Amino acid sequence: MVHTLSVGLLWLPLVLSTVLVFIASSVIHMGPFWHRRDFPPLPREAEALSALRPLALPPGDYMLPRAGDMQTYKSPEFTAKLRAGPVAVMTVLPNGPVSMGRNLSQWFVYLLVVSACVALIAARTLPLGAGYPHVFKVTGAIAFLGYALALCQQSIWYGRSWGLTAKGFLDGAIYAALTAGTFGWLWPR
């Protein structure tokens, strides 16, 4: 019988794993590693920007061409638009420099939520004094689910490159290993 732990006993691995993953993700994304060429420049970028700028697109997610309903989607006219292209899923950000402070703050909160989920599930499934390998396996699997598995949806539904998704899986495996190692090391005895 597993005696559940209080999540409060896991505050240190929860916070420390969040900080370690934050640091690792910063190194991975700022260094000359596998994300350097994730988003190549758009061919004829200047012309594309000149064509889009007068539209004053508000920030948001767009699909083009876009059918308003299934009847339109099945029409020969819409099929011709699809064949003529381009077919795109596009995210428009607010004009101006990207707010790294805001993005990094949101990223840190996300990492904290993943670590909190790991702590919550681990506290309910692993006993006090569980061995490092067992804690590592369970917490690593939970963390990997939180960091990587949902990335497949972007490739399945929105055409994101499977190469980008695979790189995200690699990142997720690194983050999961850091999280699992921290929980295994600091698991209450």
Foldseek 3Di string as FASTA:
>chain_A
DADFDDLVLVPVLLVVLLVVLLVVVVCQVVDPDDCPPQDPADVVNVVVCVVCVVVVDDFDKDWPPDDPDVVRCPDPVNVVDVVVDDTAIDGDDDPDDDDVVVVSVVSSVLSSVLSSVLSVVCSGPPHAPDALVVLLVSQLVSQLCSQADVLVVCCVPHVRDVVVSVVSSVSSNVSSNSSSNSCNVSGHD
